[in-house]
Amino acid sequence: MFDLNTLWFILIAVLWTGFYFLEGFDFGVGMLLPFLGKKDEERRAMINTIGPHWDGNEVWLLTAGGATFAAFPHWYATLFSGFYLALFLLLFGLIVRGVAFEFRSKDANPKWRHFWDWAIFFGSFLPSLLLGVAFANLARGVPIDGNMMFTGNLLTLLNPYGLLGGLATVAVFLLHGAVFLSLKVDGLIRERAVVLAKRLWLPAVIVLSVLAVATFFYTDFVEHLGINPGAIPLGALVAILLAGWFVNRRQLGWAFLLTGLNIVLTQVTFFLLLFPRVMISSTDRAFHLTIYNAASSPYTLKVMTIVALIFVPVVLAYQGYTYWVFRRRVTTDKKELVY
């Protein structure tokens, strides 16, 4: 039955998926910064490709957290208390990254800028890895007791499947970022981005394929969704395979759309695996958190729905406008570089 609980589960899934798609290439560019940019002007150009957007993209993360808190407070409480240290490290990485974007250009000293370049790398790599670990563990299930309390620790999350999810996220974000750079920069750095995208494609395919196989063994995918994975998970793998074909043909716009489609379909697969649960208990299936036992009151969900219908289209229109305004390629001309 489709109700407000289901609607808000879908809206939260959309917010997380949008965050992964948009912040995916942001994180990818950040992780590639110390390696792809050979000169300061090239690194500045790379930062300028995401400079107008990175903070707006992170709003999707904040909104997803806020929507979870308002719509499913028990989900929020169990998740944020149980994953506290991991989320603290995630937040620390995001803060370091944001500070680095602002501080890097304050001093022309090469050592100063080199330090902040690696801070951007660290602040992009750590959240990418931790997000993958967190989502993989949510799909696998974590120890939750009858009081909706997480009974594990950080080491509980660092299991083989969780780490594989983290590596897959890093690999896909690197590829997504390289393809994005090939669309947004010009000159020699663009050529290096295309070459790097070709090299990153195969590792991303391998790690994603291993993750797909492991999902059948480490999660209740077969029990919950059936032996046939369906069009969405298969579509995610087909998208990443086709992305490599388009990169090799230098049809980079299509390649970017397909790496993005892979991210979207992978996230949709994850939420299909969860639904109608929001957190899977590995202790006892009676302790699962669902869209019903973890939800706010019907009145709260009704008010939230009205507010969302009014303001979400406005926010989407505004963010789409910013991407349209900053659609031009970025060059290494110092007169045009802001960061």
Protein backbone atom coordinates (compact mmCIF):
# COMPACT_ATOMS: atom_id res chain seq x y z
CA MET A 1 0.00 0.00 0.00
CA PHE A 2 1.34 3.42 -0.98
CA ASP A 3 1.14 5.82 1.97
CA LEU A 4 3.06 8.75 3.42
CA ASN A 5 5.56 6.41 5.07
CA THR A 6 6.39 4.93 1.68
CA LEU A 7 6.46 8.37 0.09
CA TRP A 8 9.04 9.64 2.58
CA PHE A 9 11.16 6.54 2.19
CA ILE A 10 11.19 7.27 -1.56
CA LEU A 11 12.00 10.96 -1.00
CA ILE A 12 14.93 10.08 1.27
CA ALA A 13 16.13 7.59 -1.33
CA VAL A 14 15.96 10.35 -3.96
CA LEU A 15 17.97 12.71 -1.75
CA TRP A 16 20.71 10.15 -1.16
CA THR A 17 20.77 9.22 -4.83
CA GLY A 18 21.02 12.86 -5.88
CA PHE A 19 23.83 13.39 -3.38
CA TYR A 20 25.75 10.38 -4.73
CA PHE A 21 25.35 11.53 -8.35
CA LEU A 22 26.35 15.16 -7.75
CA GLU A 23 28.91 14.78 -4.99
CA GLY A 24 30.31 11.71 -6.72
CA PHE A 25 32.13 13.73 -9.36
CA ASP A 26 33.06 16.36 -6.73
CA PHE A 27 34.76 13.70 -4.64
CA GLY A 28 36.30 12.19 -7.77
CA VAL A 29 37.85 15.51 -8.79
CA GLY A 30 39.15 16.03 -5.24
CA MET A 31 40.79 12.60 -5.15
CA LEU A 32 42.39 13.17 -8.56
CA LEU A 33 43.69 16.65 -7.75
CA PRO A 34 47.26 15.80 -6.56
CA PHE A 35 47.79 13.33 -9.41
CA LEU A 36 46.14 14.78 -12.52
CA GLY A 37 47.17 18.41 -12.12
CA LYS A 38 50.89 18.75 -12.87
CA LYS A 39 51.10 22.52 -12.40
CA ASP A 40 49.43 24.93 -10.02
CA GLU A 41 47.32 26.45 -12.79
CA GLU A 42 46.03 23.01 -13.74
CA ARG A 43 45.12 22.18 -10.16
CA ARG A 44 43.37 25.52 -9.82
CA ALA A 45 41.43 24.77 -12.99
CA MET A 46 40.36 21.41 -11.56
CA ILE A 47 39.14 23.06 -8.36
CA ASN A 48 37.30 25.70 -10.38
CA THR A 49 35.26 23.00 -12.16
CA ILE A 50 33.57 22.15 -8.86
CA GLY A 51 34.09 25.43 -7.00
CA PRO A 52 30.63 26.88 -7.77
CA HIS A 53 28.84 23.62 -6.93
CA TRP A 54 30.47 21.55 -4.18
CA ASP A 55 28.78 23.29 -1.25
CA GLY A 56 25.39 23.19 -2.98
CA ASN A 57 25.84 19.49 -3.66
CA GLU A 58 26.51 18.84 0.03
CA VAL A 59 23.09 20.32 0.82
CA TRP A 60 21.63 17.06 -0.49
CA LEU A 61 23.43 15.24 2.33
CA LEU A 62 22.18 17.68 4.96
CA THR A 63 18.64 17.49 3.60
CA ALA A 64 18.74 13.68 3.57
CA GLY A 65 19.82 13.69 7.22
CA GLY A 66 17.19 16.27 8.15
CA ALA A 67 14.43 14.40 6.33
CA THR A 68 15.44 11.17 8.07
CA PHE A 69 15.31 12.91 11.45
CA ALA A 70 11.86 14.38 10.79
CA ALA A 71 10.21 11.45 9.00
CA PHE A 72 11.86 8.46 10.70
CA PRO A 73 13.30 9.61 14.06
CA HIS A 74 14.01 6.07 15.29
CA TRP A 75 15.97 5.34 12.12
CA TYR A 76 17.93 8.56 12.63
CA ALA A 77 18.60 7.79 16.31
CA THR A 78 19.79 4.23 15.70
CA LEU A 79 21.86 5.12 12.64
CA PHE A 80 23.57 8.22 14.00
CA SER A 81 24.25 6.77 17.44
CA GLY A 82 25.45 3.40 16.13
CA PHE A 83 27.55 4.84 13.30
CA TYR A 84 28.69 7.78 15.44
CA LEU A 85 32.45 7.43 15.00
CA ALA A 86 32.18 6.70 11.28
CA LEU A 87 29.90 9.70 10.78
CA PHE A 88 32.25 11.86 12.85
CA LEU A 89 35.13 10.89 10.55
CA LEU A 90 32.89 11.58 7.54
CA LEU A 91 32.06 15.04 8.87
CA PHE A 92 35.73 15.67 9.67
CA GLY A 93 36.67 14.85 6.08
CA LEU A 94 33.99 17.19 4.70
CA ILE A 95 35.15 20.01 6.97
CA VAL A 96 38.81 19.56 5.98
CA ARG A 97 37.78 19.59 2.32
CA GLY A 98 35.70 22.74 2.64
CA VAL A 99 38.43 24.58 4.55
CA ALA A 100 41.00 23.49 1.96
CA PHE A 101 38.97 24.92 -0.92
CA GLU A 102 38.87 28.31 0.81
CA PHE A 103 42.41 28.40 2.24
CA ARG A 104 44.41 27.05 -0.70
CA SER A 105 44.45 30.32 -2.67
CA LYS A 106 45.24 32.53 0.33
CA ASP A 107 49.00 32.07 -0.09
CA ALA A 108 51.06 31.52 -3.26
CA ASN A 109 53.70 29.52 -1.39
CA PRO A 110 54.00 26.14 -3.20
CA LYS A 111 54.34 24.26 0.09
CA TRP A 112 51.14 25.88 1.40
CA ARG A 113 49.19 24.93 -1.72
CA HIS A 114 50.69 21.44 -1.80
CA PHE A 115 49.47 20.86 1.75
CA TRP A 116 45.93 21.93 0.95
CA ASP A 117 45.91 19.89 -2.28
CA TRP A 118 46.45 16.77 -0.18
CA ALA A 119 43.86 18.01 2.32
CA ILE A 120 41.35 18.13 -0.56
CA PHE A 121 42.36 14.59 -1.53
CA PHE A 122 41.96 13.35 2.04
CA GLY A 123 38.66 15.21 2.49
CA SER A 124 37.31 13.59 -0.67
CA PHE A 125 38.68 10.07 -0.22
CA LEU A 126 37.63 9.55 3.40
CA PRO A 127 33.91 10.44 2.92
CA SER A 128 33.76 8.37 -0.29
CA LEU A 129 35.16 5.33 1.48
CA LEU A 130 33.03 5.73 4.61
CA LEU A 131 29.80 6.28 2.67
CA GLY A 132 30.41 3.06 0.76
CA VAL A 133 31.19 1.18 3.96
CA ALA A 134 28.06 2.56 5.66
CA PHE A 135 25.65 1.71 2.84
CA ALA A 136 27.13 -1.76 2.38
CA ASN A 137 26.63 -2.46 6.08
CA LEU A 138 23.05 -1.21 5.94
CA ALA A 139 22.41 -3.65 3.10
CA ARG A 140 24.18 -6.50 4.95
CA GLY A 141 22.56 -5.79 8.30
CA VAL A 142 24.03 -4.61 11.59
CA PRO A 143 23.52 -5.80 15.18
CA ILE A 144 20.40 -4.08 16.58
CA ASP A 145 18.60 -5.20 19.71
CA GLY A 146 14.94 -5.06 20.72
CA ASN A 147 15.34 -1.47 21.96
CA MET A 148 16.45 -0.27 18.50
CA MET A 149 20.01 0.10 19.81
CA PHE A 150 23.10 -0.64 17.72
CA THR A 151 25.20 -3.11 19.72
CA GLY A 152 28.35 -3.17 17.58
CA ASN A 153 31.26 -0.76 17.12
CA LEU A 154 33.40 0.73 14.36
CA LEU A 155 35.22 -2.56 13.83
CA THR A 156 31.85 -4.24 13.27
CA LEU A 157 31.43 -2.06 10.20
CA LEU A 158 34.91 -2.81 8.84
CA ASN A 159 33.96 -6.30 7.63
CA PRO A 160 34.95 -7.60 4.17
CA TYR A 161 31.61 -6.70 2.55
CA GLY A 162 31.60 -3.23 4.09
CA LEU A 163 35.15 -2.53 2.92
CA LEU A 164 34.28 -3.85 -0.54
CA GLY A 165 31.39 -1.39 -0.66
CA GLY A 166 33.78 1.40 0.28
CA LEU A 167 36.28 0.44 -2.43
CA ALA A 168 33.50 0.24 -5.03
CA THR A 169 32.28 3.73 -4.13
CA VAL A 170 35.82 5.15 -4.36
CA ALA A 171 36.43 3.45 -7.72
CA VAL A 172 33.18 4.69 -9.28
CA PHE A 173 33.62 8.21 -7.93
CA LEU A 174 37.15 8.36 -9.38
CA LEU A 175 35.83 7.32 -12.79
CA HIS A 176 32.86 9.72 -12.52
CA GLY A 177 35.22 12.55 -11.60
CA ALA A 178 37.67 11.82 -14.43
CA VAL A 179 34.87 11.83 -17.02
CA PHE A 180 33.45 15.03 -15.52
CA LEU A 181 36.87 16.72 -15.82
CA SER A 182 37.14 15.66 -19.45
CA LEU A 183 33.95 17.66 -20.05
CA LYS A 184 34.85 20.70 -17.96
CA VAL A 185 38.55 21.45 -18.57
CA ASP A 186 40.54 22.19 -21.70
CA GLY A 187 44.03 21.67 -23.04
CA LEU A 188 46.54 19.07 -21.87
CA ILE A 189 44.72 18.42 -18.62
CA ARG A 190 41.64 17.38 -20.58
CA GLU A 191 43.67 14.84 -22.54
CA ARG A 192 45.14 13.45 -19.32
CA ALA A 193 41.63 13.18 -17.85
CA VAL A 194 40.45 11.13 -20.84
CA VAL A 195 43.47 8.80 -20.61
CA LEU A 196 42.91 8.40 -16.87
CA ALA A 197 39.20 7.67 -17.35
CA LYS A 198 40.17 4.83 -19.71
CA ARG A 199 42.52 3.42 -17.08
CA LEU A 200 40.03 3.78 -14.22
CA TRP A 201 37.17 2.12 -16.06
CA LEU A 202 38.34 -1.49 -15.81
CA PRO A 203 39.13 -1.41 -12.04
CA ALA A 204 35.71 0.15 -11.43
CA VAL A 205 34.00 -2.60 -13.45
CA ILE A 206 35.92 -5.32 -11.61
CA VAL A 207 35.20 -3.98 -8.11
CA LEU A 208 31.52 -3.40 -8.92
CA SER A 209 31.19 -6.90 -10.37
CA VAL A 210 32.77 -8.43 -7.25
CA LEU A 211 30.41 -6.35 -5.09
CA ALA A 212 27.41 -7.54 -7.12
CA VAL A 213 28.39 -11.19 -6.64
CA ALA A 214 29.17 -10.68 -2.96
CA THR A 215 25.74 -9.10 -2.45
CA PHE A 216 24.12 -12.49 -3.17
CA PHE A 217 26.12 -14.09 -0.35
CA TYR A 218 26.39 -11.35 2.28
CA THR A 219 22.85 -9.95 2.14
CA ASP A 220 19.33 -11.36 1.98
CA PHE A 221 18.99 -10.20 -1.63
CA VAL A 222 17.70 -13.56 -2.90
CA GLU A 223 15.26 -14.00 -0.02
CA HIS A 224 14.01 -10.43 -0.24
CA LEU A 225 13.96 -9.77 -4.00
CA GLY A 226 14.34 -13.20 -5.58
CA ILE A 227 17.08 -14.96 -7.53
CA ASN A 228 16.51 -12.75 -10.58
CA PRO A 229 18.22 -9.43 -9.82
CA GLY A 230 15.89 -7.56 -12.15
CA ALA A 231 16.39 -4.74 -14.64
CA ILE A 232 17.69 -2.12 -12.20
CA PRO A 233 20.77 -3.96 -10.82
CA LEU A 234 21.57 -5.36 -14.26
CA GLY A 235 21.10 -1.88 -15.72
CA ALA A 236 23.71 -0.54 -13.29
CA LEU A 237 26.29 -3.04 -14.59
CA VAL A 238 25.34 -2.43 -18.22
CA ALA A 239 25.69 1.32 -17.69
CA ILE A 240 29.24 1.06 -16.33
CA LEU A 241 30.21 -1.28 -19.20
CA LEU A 242 28.81 1.11 -21.82
CA ALA A 243 30.53 4.05 -20.12
CA GLY A 244 33.91 2.53 -20.97
CA TRP A 245 32.87 2.04 -24.59
CA PHE A 246 31.88 5.72 -24.90
CA VAL A 247 35.08 6.89 -23.18
CA ASN A 248 37.14 4.96 -25.72
CA ARG A 249 35.13 6.56 -28.52
CA ARG A 250 35.62 9.98 -26.84
CA GLN A 251 31.86 10.50 -26.60
CA LEU A 252 32.37 11.89 -23.14
CA GLY A 253 28.93 13.39 -22.58
CA TRP A 254 27.37 9.96 -22.95
CA ALA A 255 30.09 8.46 -20.78
CA PHE A 256 29.28 10.92 -18.00
CA LEU A 257 25.56 10.20 -18.23
CA LEU A 258 26.26 6.47 -18.00
CA THR A 259 28.61 6.68 -15.00
CA GLY A 260 25.91 8.79 -13.38
CA LEU A 261 23.25 6.26 -14.36
CA ASN A 262 25.33 3.51 -12.77
CA ILE A 263 25.44 5.48 -9.51
CA VAL A 264 21.70 6.16 -9.61
CA LEU A 265 20.71 2.56 -10.37
CA THR A 266 23.11 1.20 -7.75
CA GLN A 267 21.52 3.42 -5.11
CA VAL A 268 18.03 2.47 -6.24
CA THR A 269 19.02 -1.19 -5.92
CA PHE A 270 20.19 -0.56 -2.38
CA PHE A 271 16.91 1.04 -1.33
CA LEU A 272 14.91 -1.72 -3.02
CA LEU A 273 16.92 -4.20 -0.98
CA LEU A 274 16.02 -2.30 2.19
CA PHE A 275 12.32 -1.58 1.63
CA PRO A 276 10.13 -1.67 3.68
CA ARG A 277 12.94 -1.86 6.23
CA VAL A 278 15.14 1.13 6.95
CA MET A 279 17.73 -0.74 9.02
CA ILE A 280 18.26 -4.49 8.93
CA SER A 281 19.02 -6.21 12.24
CA SER A 282 21.53 -9.03 11.97
CA THR A 283 20.60 -10.05 15.53
CA ASP A 284 16.97 -10.98 14.92
CA ARG A 285 14.60 -10.14 12.09
CA ALA A 286 12.01 -9.16 14.69
CA PHE A 287 14.27 -6.19 15.50
CA HIS A 288 14.28 -4.73 11.98
CA LEU A 289 13.48 -1.02 11.79
CA THR A 290 10.79 -0.43 9.17
CA ILE A 291 9.06 2.54 7.60
CA TYR A 292 6.29 2.01 10.17
CA ASN A 293 7.91 1.30 13.53
CA ALA A 294 10.60 3.97 12.93
CA ALA A 295 8.28 6.70 11.61
CA SER A 296 6.94 9.97 12.95
CA SER A 297 3.22 10.52 13.48
CA PRO A 298 0.89 10.66 10.45
CA TYR A 299 0.27 14.37 11.13
CA THR A 300 4.01 15.13 11.04
CA LEU A 301 4.41 13.28 7.77
CA LYS A 302 1.42 15.14 6.30
CA VAL A 303 2.81 18.57 7.20
CA MET A 304 6.26 17.62 5.89
CA THR A 305 4.74 16.46 2.62
CA ILE A 306 3.00 19.80 2.06
CA VAL A 307 6.20 21.75 2.80
CA ALA A 308 8.27 19.49 0.54
CA LEU A 309 5.85 19.87 -2.37
CA ILE A 310 6.23 23.65 -2.14
CA PHE A 311 9.97 24.08 -1.62
CA VAL A 312 11.67 21.08 -3.26
CA PRO A 313 10.85 22.21 -6.85
CA VAL A 314 12.20 25.69 -6.00
CA VAL A 315 15.48 24.27 -4.71
CA LEU A 316 15.85 21.96 -7.72
CA ALA A 317 15.20 24.82 -10.13
CA TYR A 318 17.77 27.02 -8.40
CA GLN A 319 20.48 24.36 -8.41
CA GLY A 320 19.78 23.53 -12.04
CA TYR A 321 20.17 27.23 -12.85
CA THR A 322 23.59 27.36 -11.18
CA TYR A 323 24.82 24.49 -13.33
CA TRP A 324 23.53 26.27 -16.42
CA VAL A 325 25.30 29.54 -15.47
CA PHE A 326 28.65 27.76 -14.90
CA ARG A 327 28.38 25.41 -17.88
CA ARG A 328 31.46 26.70 -19.77
CA ARG A 329 34.75 24.83 -19.85
CA VAL A 330 37.42 25.97 -17.41
CA THR A 331 40.83 26.96 -18.78
CA THR A 332 44.19 27.42 -17.07
CA ASP A 333 44.12 31.17 -17.78
CA LYS A 334 44.93 32.80 -14.43
CA LYS A 335 42.59 35.70 -15.18
CA GLU A 336 39.62 33.33 -15.22
CA LEU A 337 40.53 31.24 -12.17
CA VAL A 338 38.80 32.06 -8.89
CA TYR A 339 40.06 29.38 -6.51
